[in-house]
PDB file of N, CA and C in Angstrom:
ATOM      1  N   MET A   1       5.635 -16.376  -6.901  1.00  0.00           N
ATOM      2  CA  MET A   1       5.594 -16.778  -5.125  1.00  0.00           C
ATOM      3  C   MET A   1       4.373 -17.189  -5.119  1.00  0.00           C
ATOM      4  N   GLN A   2       4.114 -18.045  -3.971  1.00  0.00           N
ATOM      5  CA  GLN A   2       3.264 -18.654  -3.413  1.00  0.00           C
ATOM      6  C   GLN A   2       2.412 -17.688  -3.099  1.00  0.00           C
ATOM      7  N   LYS A   3       0.557 -18.079  -2.878  1.00  0.00           N
ATOM      8  CA  LYS A   3      -0.483 -17.216  -2.863  1.00  0.00           C
ATOM      9  C   LYS A   3       0.104 -17.919  -1.029  1.00  0.00           C
ATOM     10  N   ARG A   4      -0.378 -17.096   0.386  1.00  0.00           N
ATOM     11  CA  ARG A   4      -0.198 -17.280   1.963  1.00  0.00           C
ATOM     12  C   ARG A   4      -1.637 -17.373   2.450  1.00  0.00           C
ATOM     13  N   GLN A   5      -2.157 -17.979   3.184  1.00  0.00           N
ATOM     14  CA  GLN A   5      -3.264 -17.515   3.526  1.00  0.00           C
ATOM     15  C   GLN A   5      -3.574 -16.759   4.399  1.00  0.00           C
ATOM     16  N   PHE A   6      -2.747 -15.198   4.816  1.00  0.00           N
ATOM     17  CA  PHE A   6      -3.056 -14.097   5.042  1.00  0.00           C
ATOM     18  C   PHE A   6      -3.567 -12.864   4.383  1.00  0.00           C
ATOM     19  N   THR A   7      -3.912 -13.451   3.282  1.00  0.00           N
ATOM     20  CA  THR A   7      -3.817 -12.891   2.213  1.00  0.00           C
ATOM     21  C   THR A   7      -5.553 -12.456   2.282  1.00  0.00           C
ATOM     22  N   LYS A   8      -6.105 -13.572   3.162  1.00  0.00           N
ATOM     23  CA  LYS A   8      -7.993 -13.155   3.008  1.00  0.00           C
ATOM     24  C   LYS A   8      -8.128 -11.996   4.198  1.00  0.00           C
ATOM     25  N   TYR A   9      -8.588 -11.087   3.313  1.00  0.00           N
ATOM     26  CA  TYR A   9      -9.157 -10.059   3.828  1.00  0.00           C
ATOM     27  C   TYR A   9     -10.725  -9.823   4.314  1.00  0.00           C
ATOM     28  N   THR A  10     -10.998  -8.678   4.721  1.00  0.00           N
ATOM     29  CA  THR A  10     -12.688  -8.354   4.838  1.00  0.00           C
ATOM     30  C   THR A  10     -12.880  -7.269   4.096  1.00  0.00           C
ATOM     31  N   GLY A  11     -13.822  -7.164   3.187  1.00  0.00           N
ATOM     32  CA  GLY A  11     -14.044  -6.340   2.348  1.00  0.00           C
ATOM     33  C   GLY A  11     -13.583  -4.335   2.644  1.00  0.00           C
ATOM     34  N   LYS A  12     -13.712  -4.492   3.822  1.00  0.00           N
ATOM     35  CA  LYS A  12     -13.654  -3.001   4.811  1.00  0.00           C
ATOM     36  C   LYS A  12     -12.149  -3.038   4.469  1.00  0.00           C
ATOM     37  N   SER A  13     -11.147  -3.491   4.884  1.00  0.00           N
ATOM     38  CA  SER A  13      -9.611  -3.268   4.819  1.00  0.00           C
ATOM     39  C   SER A  13      -9.359  -3.223   3.555  1.00  0.00           C
ATOM     40  N   ARG A  14     -10.010  -4.094   3.112  1.00  0.00           N
ATOM     41  CA  ARG A  14      -9.514  -4.373   1.444  1.00  0.00           C
ATOM     42  C   ARG A  14      -9.437  -3.087   0.818  1.00  0.00           C
ATOM     43  N   SER A  15     -10.746  -2.566   1.183  1.00  0.00           N
ATOM     44  CA  SER A  15     -11.220  -1.070   0.179  1.00  0.00           C
ATOM     45  C   SER A  15     -10.141  -0.011   0.694  1.00  0.00           C
ATOM     46  N   ARG A  16      -8.938  -0.308   1.583  1.00  0.00           N
ATOM     47  CA  ARG A  16      -8.573   0.645   1.579  1.00  0.00           C
ATOM     48  C   ARG A  16      -6.882   0.458   1.266  1.00  0.00           C
ATOM     49  N   SER A  17      -6.068   1.925   0.441  1.00  0.00           N
ATOM     50  CA  SER A  17      -5.239   1.799   0.060  1.00  0.00           C
ATOM     51  C   SER A  17      -3.891   1.083   0.135  1.00  0.00           C
ATOM     52  N   CYS A  18      -3.848   1.858   1.760  1.00  0.00           N
ATOM     53  CA  CYS A  18      -2.654   1.430   2.682  1.00  0.00           C
ATOM     54  C   CYS A  18      -1.780   0.058   3.038  1.00  0.00           C
ATOM     55  N   THR A  19      -0.979  -0.282   3.380  1.00  0.00           N
ATOM     56  CA  THR A  19      -0.602  -1.505   3.299  1.00  0.00           C
ATOM     57  C   THR A  19      -0.847  -1.541   4.947  1.00  0.00           C
ATOM     58  N   PRO A  20      -1.451  -2.941   5.073  1.00  0.00           N
ATOM     59  CA  PRO A  20      -1.627  -3.733   6.976  1.00  0.00           C
ATOM     60  C   PRO A  20      -0.184  -3.612   7.305  1.00  0.00           C
ATOM     61  N   PRO A  21      -0.898  -2.944   8.894  1.00  0.00           N
ATOM     62  CA  PRO A  21       0.562  -3.207   9.345  1.00  0.00           C
ATOM     63  C   PRO A  21       1.251  -3.895   9.619  1.00  0.00           C
ATOM     64  N   HIS A  22       0.804  -5.473   9.341  1.00  0.00           N
ATOM     65  CA  HIS A  22       1.796  -7.041   9.485  1.00  0.00           C
ATOM     66  C   HIS A  22       2.135  -6.932   7.999  1.00  0.00           C
ATOM     67  N   TRP A  23       2.047  -6.365   7.440  1.00  0.00           N
ATOM     68  CA  TRP A  23       2.199  -6.628   5.561  1.00  0.00           C
ATOM     69  C   TRP A  23       3.697  -5.681   6.068  1.00  0.00           C
ATOM     70  N   ARG A  24       3.294  -3.899   6.766  1.00  0.00           N
ATOM     71  CA  ARG A  24       4.549  -3.185   6.504  1.00  0.00           C
ATOM     72  C   ARG A  24       5.368  -3.648   7.221  1.00  0.00           C
ATOM     73  N   SER A  25       5.574  -4.785   8.182  1.00  0.00           N
ATOM     74  CA  SER A  25       6.940  -4.894   8.879  1.00  0.00           C
ATOM     75  C   SER A  25       7.252  -5.724   8.375  1.00  0.00           C
ATOM     76  N   THR A  26       6.906  -7.134   7.675  1.00  0.00           N
ATOM     77  CA  THR A  26       7.311  -7.659   6.892  1.00  0.00           C
ATOM     78  C   THR A  26       8.157  -7.205   6.014  1.00  0.00           C
ATOM     79  N   VAL A  27       7.903  -6.123   5.248  1.00  0.00           N
ATOM     80  CA  VAL A  27       8.458  -5.861   4.265  1.00  0.00           C
ATOM     81  C   VAL A  27       9.559  -4.862   4.181  1.00  0.00           C
ATOM     82  N   LYS A  28       9.283  -4.619   5.252  1.00  0.00           N
ATOM     83  CA  LYS A  28      11.005  -3.782   5.829  1.00  0.00           C
ATOM     84  C   LYS A  28      12.043  -4.565   6.190  1.00  0.00           C
ATOM     85  N   ASP A  29      11.378  -6.060   7.326  1.00  0.00           N
ATOM     86  CA  ASP A  29      12.247  -6.591   7.380  1.00  0.00           C
ATOM     87  C   ASP A  29      12.880  -7.241   6.204  1.00  0.00           C
ATOM     88  N   ARG A  30      12.225  -8.140   5.047  1.00  0.00           N
ATOM     89  CA  ARG A  30      12.752  -8.714   4.312  1.00  0.00           C
ATOM     90  C   ARG A  30      14.083  -7.462   3.340  1.00  0.00           C
ATOM     91  N   LYS A  31      13.709  -6.071   3.330  1.00  0.00           N
ATOM     92  CA  LYS A  31      14.412  -5.024   2.772  1.00  0.00           C
ATOM     93  C   LYS A  31      15.962  -5.218   3.787  1.00  0.00           C
ATOM     94  N   ARG A  32      15.599  -5.190   4.794  1.00  0.00           N
ATOM     95  CA  ARG A  32      16.585  -5.183   4.938  1.00  0.00           C
ATOM     96  C   ARG A  32      17.837  -6.500   5.609  1.00  0.00           C
ATOM     97  N   GLU A  33      16.644  -7.382   5.404  1.00  0.00           N
ATOM     98  CA  GLU A  33      17.567  -8.599   4.984  1.00  0.00           C
ATOM     99  C   GLU A  33      18.582  -8.841   3.384  1.00  0.00           C
ATOM    100  N   HIS A  34      17.892  -8.430   2.491  1.00  0.00           N
ATOM    101  CA  HIS A  34      18.714  -8.376   1.050  1.00  0.00           C
ATOM    102  C   HIS A  34      19.711  -7.141   1.738  1.00  0.00           C
ATOM    103  N   VAL A  35      19.894  -6.355   1.591  1.00  0.00           N
ATOM    104  CA  VAL A  35      20.130  -5.033   2.346  1.00  0.00           C
ATOM    105  C   VAL A  35      22.116  -6.090   3.066  1.00  0.00           C
ATOM    106  N   ARG A  36      21.264  -6.474   4.128  1.00  0.00           N
ATOM    107  CA  ARG A  36      22.452  -7.348   4.616  1.00  0.00           C
ATOM    108  C   ARG A  36      23.381  -8.343   4.122  1.00  0.00           C
ATOM    109  N   LYS A  37      22.484  -8.998   3.227  1.00  0.00           N
ATOM    110  CA  LYS A  37      22.969 -10.330   2.310  1.00  0.00           C
ATOM    111  C   LYS A  37      23.939  -9.409   1.518  1.00  0.00           C
ATOM    112  N   GLU A  38      23.636  -8.635   0.986  1.00  0.00           N
ATOM    113  CA  GLU A  38      25.009  -7.461  -0.355  1.00  0.00           C
ATOM    114  C   GLU A  38      25.720  -6.945   0.639  1.00  0.00           C
ATOM    115  N   LYS A  39      25.639  -6.823   1.871  1.00  0.00           N
ATOM    116  CA  LYS A  39      26.880  -5.974   2.482  1.00  0.00           C
ATOM    117  C   LYS A  39      28.029  -7.078   2.243  1.00  0.00           C
ATOM    118  N   TYR A  40      27.326  -8.159   2.854  1.00  0.00           N
ATOM    119  CA  TYR A  40      28.452  -8.941   3.255  1.00  0.00           C
ATOM    120  C   TYR A  40      29.053 -10.361   1.640  1.00  0.00           C
ATOM    121  N   ASP A  41      28.044 -10.352   0.973  1.00  0.00           N
ATOM    122  CA  ASP A  41      28.644 -11.085  -0.445  1.00  0.00           C
ATOM    123  C   ASP A  41      28.967 -10.067  -0.779  1.00  0.00           C
ATOM    124  N   ASN A  42      29.964 -10.027  -1.270  1.00  0.00           N
ATOM    125  CA  ASN A  42      30.778  -8.869  -2.544  1.00  0.00           C
ATOM    126  C   ASN A  42      29.994  -9.205  -3.818  1.00  0.00           C
ATOM    127  N   ASN A  43      30.166 -10.554  -4.223  1.00  0.00           N
ATOM    128  CA  ASN A  43      29.582 -11.305  -5.246  1.00  0.00           C
ATOM    129  C   ASN A  43      28.067 -10.891  -5.977  1.00  0.00           C
ATOM    130  N   LYS A  44      27.611  -9.716  -6.021  1.00  0.00           N
ATOM    131  CA  LYS A  44      26.319  -9.825  -6.287  1.00  0.00           C
ATOM    132  C   LYS A  44      25.693 -10.669  -7.460  1.00  0.00           C
ATOM    133  N   GLU A  45      26.529 -11.001  -8.665  1.00  0.00           N
ATOM    134  CA  GLU A  45      26.132 -12.128  -9.484  1.00  0.00           C
ATOM    135  C   GLU A  45      25.813 -13.359  -8.930  1.00  0.00           C
ATOM    136  N   ASP A  46      26.863 -13.485  -8.267  1.00  0.00           N
ATOM    137  CA  ASP A  46      26.430 -15.049  -7.516  1.00  0.00           C
ATOM    138  C   ASP A  46      25.396 -15.082  -6.703  1.00  0.00           C
ATOM    139  N   PHE A  47      25.158 -13.792  -5.910  1.00  0.00           N
ATOM    140  CA  PHE A  47      24.062 -13.832  -5.332  1.00  0.00           C
ATOM    141  C   PHE A  47      22.609 -13.997  -6.062  1.00  0.00           C
ATOM    142  N   HIS A  48      22.379 -13.626  -6.923  1.00  0.00           N
ATOM    143  CA  HIS A  48      21.056 -13.703  -7.550  1.00  0.00           C
ATOM    144  C   HIS A  48      21.244 -14.710  -8.390  1.00  0.00           C
ATOM    145  N   SER A  49      22.106 -15.198  -9.121  1.00  0.00           N
ATOM    146  CA  SER A  49      21.971 -16.777  -9.847  1.00  0.00           C
ATOM    147  C   SER A  49      21.404 -17.816  -8.804  1.00  0.00           C
ATOM    148  N   HIS A  50      21.194 -17.361  -7.372  1.00  0.00           N
ATOM    149  CA  HIS A  50      20.738 -18.708  -6.323  1.00  0.00           C
ATOM    150  C   HIS A  50      19.500 -18.443  -6.407  1.00  0.00           C
ATOM    151  N   ARG A  51      18.631 -17.481  -6.851  1.00  0.00           N
ATOM    152  CA  ARG A  51      17.556 -17.580  -7.038  1.00  0.00           C
ATOM    153  C   ARG A  51      17.173 -18.584  -8.190  1.00  0.00           C
TER     154      ARG A  51
END
C-alpha cells in the first residue's frame, strides 16, 4: 500500500495510541464495503484473485 499525504501528524497526536477520528471512519467504510462485496459475490476465491 502506498503512503498517503495524511500520514503527517504533529508529535502530540502521534504519541496517542488511539486512531485519529478520520482514520476510524475510513476503516469502518472499508470494512463495510468488503462485507457488502462478499455478500453479493458468492465466489470468494474469485474475489480474492482480483487483488
